[in-house]
C-alpha atoms as a PDB file:
ATOM      1  CA  MET A   1     115.346 102.666  98.034  1.00  0.00           C
ATOM      2  CA  MET A   2     118.259 104.979  97.275  1.00  0.00           C
ATOM      3  CA  ALA A   3     117.372 108.645  97.592  1.00  0.00           C
ATOM      4  CA  GLY A   4     118.824 111.097  95.152  1.00  0.00           C
ATOM      5  CA  ASN A   5     118.412 112.674  91.768  1.00  0.00           C
ATOM      6  CA  ASP A   6     117.140 110.231  89.159  1.00  0.00           C
ATOM      7  CA  GLY A   7     118.649 112.423  86.470  1.00  0.00           C
ATOM      8  CA  PHE A   8     122.084 111.739  87.963  1.00  0.00           C
ATOM      9  CA  PHE A   9     121.408 107.993  88.260  1.00  0.00           C
ATOM     10  CA  TYR A  10     120.442 107.830  84.581  1.00  0.00           C
ATOM     11  CA  PHE A  11     123.026 110.362  83.374  1.00  0.00           C
ATOM     12  CA  LEU A  12     124.978 107.707  81.503  1.00  0.00           C
ATOM     13  CA  PRO A  13     122.929 105.922  78.835  1.00  0.00           C
ATOM     14  CA  LYS A  14     121.994 102.311  79.563  1.00  0.00           C
ATOM     15  CA  PHE A  15     121.629 100.573  76.223  1.00  0.00           C
ATOM     16  CA  VAL A  16     120.619  97.319  77.850  1.00  0.00           C
ATOM     17  CA  GLN A  17     117.478  95.211  77.978  1.00  0.00           C
ATOM     18  CA  HIS A  18     115.545  95.017  81.244  1.00  0.00           C
ATOM     19  CA  ALA A  19     113.688  91.785  80.495  1.00  0.00           C
ATOM     20  CA  GLY A  20     114.365  88.502  78.717  1.00  0.00           C
ATOM     21  CA  GLU A  21     113.840  88.158  74.979  1.00  0.00           C
ATOM     22  CA  GLU A  22     110.668  86.062  75.156  1.00  0.00           C
ATOM     23  CA  CYS A  23     109.243  88.427  77.760  1.00  0.00           C
ATOM     24  CA  ARG A  24     109.968  91.452  75.557  1.00  0.00           C
ATOM     25  CA  ASP A  25     108.430  89.727  72.553  1.00  0.00           C
ATOM     26  CA  SER A  26     105.252  89.120  74.548  1.00  0.00           C
ATOM     27  CA  LEU A  27     105.045  92.803  75.441  1.00  0.00           C
ATOM     28  CA  THR A  28     105.600  93.799  71.817  1.00  0.00           C
ATOM     29  CA  ARG A  29     102.749  91.542  70.707  1.00  0.00           C
ATOM     30  CA  PHE A  30     100.521  93.155  73.327  1.00  0.00           C
ATOM     31  CA  TYR A  31     101.407  96.625  72.083  1.00  0.00           C
ATOM     32  CA  GLU A  32     100.732  95.518  68.516  1.00  0.00           C
ATOM     33  CA  ALA A  33      97.141  94.870  69.576  1.00  0.00           C
ATOM     34  CA  VAL A  34      96.572  98.236  71.299  1.00  0.00           C
ATOM     35  CA  LEU A  35      98.659 100.732  69.317  1.00  0.00           C
ATOM     36  CA  PRO A  36      96.741 102.878  66.844  1.00  0.00           C
ATOM     37  CA  ALA A  37      97.568 102.292  63.215  1.00  0.00           C
ATOM     38  CA  SER A  38     100.193 104.685  61.891  1.00  0.00           C
ATOM     39  CA  GLY A  39      98.511 107.953  61.033  1.00  0.00           C
ATOM     40  CA  GLU A  40      95.474 107.254  63.202  1.00  0.00           C
ATOM     41  CA  GLY A  41      96.486 108.192  66.744  1.00  0.00           C
ATOM     42  CA  ASP A  42      98.914 109.923  69.092  1.00  0.00           C
ATOM     43  CA  VAL A  43     101.012 108.032  71.638  1.00  0.00           C
ATOM     44  CA  LEU A  44     102.963 109.064  74.745  1.00  0.00           C
ATOM     45  CA  ASP A  45     105.594 106.698  76.147  1.00  0.00           C
ATOM     46  CA  LEU A  46     106.466 107.567  79.753  1.00  0.00           C
ATOM     47  CA  CYS A  47     109.841 106.648  81.283  1.00  0.00           C
ATOM     48  CA  SER A  48     110.975 105.931  77.759  1.00  0.00           C
ATOM     49  CA  SER A  49     114.442 104.917  76.635  1.00  0.00           C
ATOM     50  CA  TRP A  50     116.137 103.643  73.484  1.00  0.00           C
ATOM     51  CA  THR A  51     113.244 101.218  72.990  1.00  0.00           C
ATOM     52  CA  SER A  52     109.526 101.492  73.686  1.00  0.00           C
ATOM     53  CA  HIS A  53     109.030  97.777  72.956  1.00  0.00           C
ATOM     54  CA  TYR A  54     106.640  98.674  70.146  1.00  0.00           C
ATOM     55  CA  PRO A  55     106.516  96.501  66.998  1.00  0.00           C
ATOM     56  CA  SER A  56     109.439  96.877  64.615  1.00  0.00           C
ATOM     57  CA  GLY A  57     108.736  99.563  62.057  1.00  0.00           C
ATOM     58  CA  TRP A  58     105.829 101.109  63.945  1.00  0.00           C
ATOM     59  CA  ARG A  59     106.014 104.890  63.838  1.00  0.00           C
ATOM     60  CA  PRO A  60     103.198 107.407  63.420  1.00  0.00           C
ATOM     61  CA  SER A  61     102.787 109.249  60.150  1.00  0.00           C
ATOM     62  CA  PRO A  62     102.495 113.044  60.362  1.00  0.00           C
ATOM     63  CA  PRO A  63     100.630 114.857  61.729  1.00  0.00           C
ATOM     64  CA  ARG A  64     100.299 112.096  64.342  1.00  0.00           C
ATOM     65  CA  ARG A  65     103.080 111.740  66.883  1.00  0.00           C
ATOM     66  CA  CYS A  66     104.776 109.407  69.321  1.00  0.00           C
ATOM     67  CA  VAL A  67     106.403 111.261  72.211  1.00  0.00           C
ATOM     68  CA  ALA A  68     109.199 109.494  74.091  1.00  0.00           C
ATOM     69  CA  LEU A  69     109.550 111.089  77.538  1.00  0.00           C
ATOM     70  CA  GLY A  70     112.432 109.860  79.673  1.00  0.00           C
ATOM     71  CA  LEU A  71     115.617 110.719  81.516  1.00  0.00           C
ATOM     72  CA  ASN A  72     118.493 110.168  79.099  1.00  0.00           C
ATOM     73  CA  PRO A  73     118.722 112.174  75.869  1.00  0.00           C
ATOM     74  CA  LEU A  74     121.029 109.727  74.099  1.00  0.00           C
ATOM     75  CA  GLU A  75     118.655 106.851  74.758  1.00  0.00           C
ATOM     76  CA  LEU A  76     115.653 108.881  73.616  1.00  0.00           C
ATOM     77  CA  LEU A  77     117.412 109.950  70.423  1.00  0.00           C
ATOM     78  CA  ALA A  78     117.990 106.282  69.583  1.00  0.00           C
ATOM     79  CA  ASN A  79     114.331 105.311  70.019  1.00  0.00           C
ATOM     80  CA  PRO A  80     113.072 104.278  66.549  1.00  0.00           C
ATOM     81  CA  SER A  81     109.359 104.703  67.340  1.00  0.00           C
ATOM     82  CA  LYS A  82     109.429 108.320  68.495  1.00  0.00           C
ATOM     83  CA  THR A  83     108.630 111.355  66.420  1.00  0.00           C
ATOM     84  CA  GLU A  84     109.701 113.673  69.239  1.00  0.00           C
ATOM     85  CA  TRP A  85     111.281 113.360  72.659  1.00  0.00           C
ATOM     86  CA  ARG A  86     111.563 115.173  75.962  1.00  0.00           C
ATOM     87  CA  VAL A  87     113.806 114.800  79.020  1.00  0.00           C
ATOM     88  CA  GLN A  88     111.833 115.028  82.269  1.00  0.00           C
ATOM     89  CA  ASP A  89     112.240 113.504  85.728  1.00  0.00           C
ATOM     90  CA  LEU A  90     108.699 112.466  86.584  1.00  0.00           C
ATOM     91  CA  ASN A  91     109.588 111.916  90.229  1.00  0.00           C
ATOM     92  CA  LYS A  92     110.585 115.566  90.533  1.00  0.00           C
ATOM     93  CA  ASP A  93     107.839 116.906  88.296  1.00  0.00           C
ATOM     94  CA  PRO A  94     104.953 114.567  87.421  1.00  0.00           C
ATOM     95  CA  GLN A  95     103.037 117.298  85.579  1.00  0.00           C
ATOM     96  CA  LEU A  96     102.976 116.416  81.889  1.00  0.00           C
ATOM     97  CA  PRO A  97     103.639 119.348  79.525  1.00  0.00           C
ATOM     98  CA  TYR A  98     100.807 118.479  77.151  1.00  0.00           C
ATOM     99  CA  ALA A  99      97.293 119.715  76.554  1.00  0.00           C
ATOM    100  CA  ASP A 100      94.213 117.971  77.838  1.00  0.00           C
ATOM    101  CA  ALA A 101      93.060 115.068  75.648  1.00  0.00           C
ATOM    102  CA  ALA A 102      96.249 115.084  73.546  1.00  0.00           C
ATOM    103  CA  PHE A 103      96.872 111.331  73.242  1.00  0.00           C
ATOM    104  CA  ASP A 104      95.040 108.133  72.359  1.00  0.00           C
ATOM    105  CA  LEU A 105      97.451 105.829  74.201  1.00  0.00           C
ATOM    106  CA  VAL A 106      99.901 106.277  77.079  1.00  0.00           C
ATOM    107  CA  THR A 107     102.410 103.528  77.881  1.00  0.00           C
ATOM    108  CA  ASN A 108     104.980 102.930  80.591  1.00  0.00           C
ATOM    109  CA  SER A 109     107.197  99.906  80.029  1.00  0.00           C
ATOM    110  CA  LEU A 110     109.062  98.438  83.005  1.00  0.00           C
ATOM    111  CA  SER A 111     109.317 101.621  85.087  1.00  0.00           C
ATOM    112  CA  VAL A 112     106.094 102.030  87.047  1.00  0.00           C
ATOM    113  CA  ASP A 113     107.871 100.479  90.054  1.00  0.00           C
ATOM    114  CA  TYR A 114     110.174 103.520  90.266  1.00  0.00           C
ATOM    115  CA  MET A 115     107.449 106.158  90.469  1.00  0.00           C
ATOM    116  CA  THR A 116     107.561 108.012  93.808  1.00  0.00           C
ATOM    117  CA  ARG A 117     104.538 110.237  93.039  1.00  0.00           C
ATOM    118  CA  PRO A 118     102.298 107.766  91.247  1.00  0.00           C
ATOM    119  CA  LEU A 119      98.905 109.282  92.012  1.00  0.00           C
ATOM    120  CA  GLU A 120      99.941 112.642  90.598  1.00  0.00           C
ATOM    121  CA  LEU A 121     101.401 110.997  87.511  1.00  0.00           C
ATOM    122  CA  PHE A 122      98.367 108.778  86.940  1.00  0.00           C
ATOM    123  CA  GLU A 123      96.073 111.781  87.335  1.00  0.00           C
ATOM    124  CA  GLU A 124      98.121 113.579  84.699  1.00  0.00           C
ATOM    125  CA  THR A 125      97.997 110.498  82.477  1.00  0.00           C
ATOM    126  CA  HIS A 126      94.213 110.583  82.715  1.00  0.00           C
ATOM    127  CA  ARG A 127      94.187 114.293  81.849  1.00  0.00           C
ATOM    128  CA  VAL A 128      96.257 113.988  78.653  1.00  0.00           C
ATOM    129  CA  LEU A 129      94.300 110.990  77.336  1.00  0.00           C
ATOM    130  CA  ARG A 130      91.412 111.469  74.964  1.00  0.00           C
ATOM    131  CA  PRO A 131      88.034 110.041  75.985  1.00  0.00           C
ATOM    132  CA  GLY A 132      88.163 106.298  75.430  1.00  0.00           C
ATOM    133  CA  GLY A 133      91.970 106.321  75.426  1.00  0.00           C
ATOM    134  CA  LEU A 134      94.085 103.626  77.071  1.00  0.00           C
ATOM    135  CA  ALA A 135      96.866 103.750  79.659  1.00  0.00           C
ATOM    136  CA  CYS A 136      99.088 100.650  79.790  1.00  0.00           C
ATOM    137  CA  MET A 137     101.553 100.081  82.640  1.00  0.00           C
ATOM    138  CA  ALA A 138     103.783  97.053  81.990  1.00  0.00           C
ATOM    139  CA  PHE A 139     106.130  95.414  84.481  1.00  0.00           C
ATOM    140  CA  THR A 140     108.171  92.296  85.043  1.00  0.00           C
ATOM    141  CA  ASN A 141     110.117  90.970  88.028  1.00  0.00           C
ATOM    142  CA  ARG A 142     113.398  92.744  87.252  1.00  0.00           C
ATOM    143  CA  CYS A 143     114.302  96.115  88.723  1.00  0.00           C
ATOM    144  CA  PHE A 144     117.096  98.324  90.016  1.00  0.00           C
ATOM    145  CA  PRO A 145     116.857  97.313  93.708  1.00  0.00           C
ATOM    146  CA  THR A 146     118.152 100.659  94.962  1.00  0.00           C
ATOM    147  CA  LYS A 147     115.585 102.670  92.984  1.00  0.00           C
ATOM    148  CA  VAL A 148     112.371 100.673  93.311  1.00  0.00           C
ATOM    149  CA  VAL A 149     109.752 102.120  95.691  1.00  0.00           C
ATOM    150  CA  PRO A 150     109.432 100.253  99.028  1.00  0.00           C
ATOM    151  CA  ILE A 151     105.802  99.208  98.497  1.00  0.00           C
ATOM    152  CA  TRP A 152     106.951  97.171  95.487  1.00  0.00           C
ATOM    153  CA  THR A 153     109.200  94.850  97.461  1.00  0.00           C
ATOM    154  CA  THR A 154     106.879  93.285 100.057  1.00  0.00           C
ATOM    155  CA  PRO A 155     105.596  90.947  98.825  1.00  0.00           C
ATOM    156  CA  PHE A 156     107.553  90.772  95.577  1.00  0.00           C
ATOM    157  CA  THR A 157     104.925  88.981  93.482  1.00  0.00           C
ATOM    158  CA  GLU A 158     103.175  89.736  90.207  1.00  0.00           C
ATOM    159  CA  ALA A 159      99.765  89.589  91.917  1.00  0.00           C
ATOM    160  CA  SER A 160     100.817  92.158  94.520  1.00  0.00           C
ATOM    161  CA  HIS A 161     102.316  94.427  91.880  1.00  0.00           C
ATOM    162  CA  ALA A 162      99.146  94.277  89.782  1.00  0.00           C
ATOM    163  CA  LYS A 163      97.105  95.292  92.832  1.00  0.00           C
ATOM    164  CA  ILE A 164      99.446  98.215  93.504  1.00  0.00           C
ATOM    165  CA  VAL A 165      99.229  99.548  89.953  1.00  0.00           C
ATOM    166  CA  GLY A 166      95.475  98.970  89.910  1.00  0.00           C
ATOM    167  CA  ALA A 167      95.209 101.037  93.088  1.00  0.00           C
ATOM    168  CA  TYR A 168      97.251 103.824  91.470  1.00  0.00           C
ATOM    169  CA  PHE A 169      94.620 103.996  88.744  1.00  0.00           C
ATOM    170  CA  ARG A 170      91.588 103.742  91.021  1.00  0.00           C
ATOM    171  CA  TYR A 171      92.751 106.380  93.498  1.00  0.00           C
ATOM    172  CA  SER A 172      94.082 108.854  90.935  1.00  0.00           C
ATOM    173  CA  ALA A 173      91.112 109.585  88.670  1.00  0.00           C
ATOM    174  CA  ASP A 174      87.719 108.382  87.484  1.00  0.00           C
ATOM    175  CA  TRP A 175      88.797 105.646  85.085  1.00  0.00           C
ATOM    176  CA  ALA A 176      86.060 103.719  83.283  1.00  0.00           C
ATOM    177  CA  GLU A 177      87.772 100.339  83.416  1.00  0.00           C
ATOM    178  CA  VAL A 178      90.873  98.910  85.063  1.00  0.00           C
ATOM    179  CA  GLY A 179      92.057  95.418  84.131  1.00  0.00           C
ATOM    180  CA  VAL A 180      95.102  93.156  84.190  1.00  0.00           C
ATOM    181  CA  ALA A 181      96.624  91.352  81.204  1.00  0.00           C
ATOM    182  CA  ASP A 182      99.106  88.578  82.007  1.00  0.00           C
ATOM    183  CA  VAL A 183     101.119  88.332  78.803  1.00  0.00           C
ATOM    184  CA  SER A 184     103.938  86.244  80.277  1.00  0.00           C
ATOM    185  CA  PRO A 185     105.576  83.758  77.904  1.00  0.00           C
ATOM    186  CA  ASP A 186     104.267  80.217  78.203  1.00  0.00           C
ATOM    187  CA  GLY A 187     106.077  78.262  80.904  1.00  0.00           C
ATOM    188  CA  TRP A 188     107.778  81.308  82.382  1.00  0.00           C
ATOM    189  CA  VAL A 189     107.658  80.136  86.026  1.00  0.00           C
ATOM    190  CA  GLY A 190     111.161  79.647  87.365  1.00  0.00           C
ATOM    191  CA  GLN A 191     112.761  79.967  83.938  1.00  0.00           C
ATOM    192  CA  ARG A 192     111.608  83.091  82.137  1.00  0.00           C
ATOM    193  CA  ASP A 193     110.628  86.605  83.103  1.00  0.00           C
ATOM    194  CA  PRO A 194     106.908  87.255  83.640  1.00  0.00           C
ATOM    195  CA  MET A 195     105.187  90.172  81.932  1.00  0.00           C
ATOM    196  CA  VAL A 196     102.057  91.849  83.283  1.00  0.00           C
ATOM    197  CA  VAL A 197     100.235  94.910  81.941  1.00  0.00           C
ATOM    198  CA  VAL A 198      97.680  96.838  83.986  1.00  0.00           C
ATOM    199  CA  VAL A 199      95.366  98.622  81.567  1.00  0.00           C
ATOM    200  CA  ALA A 200      92.879 101.425  82.212  1.00  0.00           C
ATOM    201  CA  ARG A 201      90.463 103.173  79.876  1.00  0.00           C
ATOM    202  CA  LYS A 202      89.381 106.790  80.209  1.00  0.00           C
ATOM    203  CA  ARG A 203      85.655 107.338  80.130  1.00  0.00           C
ATOM    204  CA  GLY A 204      84.538 108.420  76.729  1.00  0.00           C
END
C-alpha cells in the first residue's frame, strides 16, 4: 500500500471504468432493486465519482436528494445521479457531515478496499441511515494495487473480501442484518469480473 494523500492521488480526474461492462450492468440491476423510487428517499454515495452505477435516468425529485461524496470535483460534477456533491477524503476524515438518520440508502461502489479507517466510516454510515435503511458495499477483483489496504490482498478472493466487509459492519455498530449478494455475471469465472455486494440493514 502506498502511503500519501489520497486527494493528491485522485487530483486528476479518472473518467474510466473500474469493472467490465457485464459486471457494471449487474451492479446497476442490483441498485435498481434497492434504490428508493425518485421522490421517495434520500441516498448517499460514498467514494463517488463520475458514475454511481445507478440505473440510467435515476435521480431523486426535490426535496429528496442524492449526495455524491468523493475526491475529485470534476468527476463529481459529471455524475448524472447526484443532486449535490461534496469533496472529502474519508481516510483523513471519516466523519460524515450529515445529521443523524438523514438517508434511506448509503452505497459505496468499488472503493471499500481502499478504506484505511473502515470501522469509523461504517459507524458513521450507521449513524446517518434512517431506521430500516440499507448500506451496500460493492466490490470486484480490480483495484489500484498501490492504494488497496493490506488485509485485502491475502488471500485475494471474493469470499475473503466478503468476510472482511462483513466484519467491518459487525464490529462497527449494531446492525440488524448483514448479508452477501453475489451479483456476478453468469459464467464470470476466468473470463469476466465478479461483482459482490455486502448489504447491512439498520435496525428500525
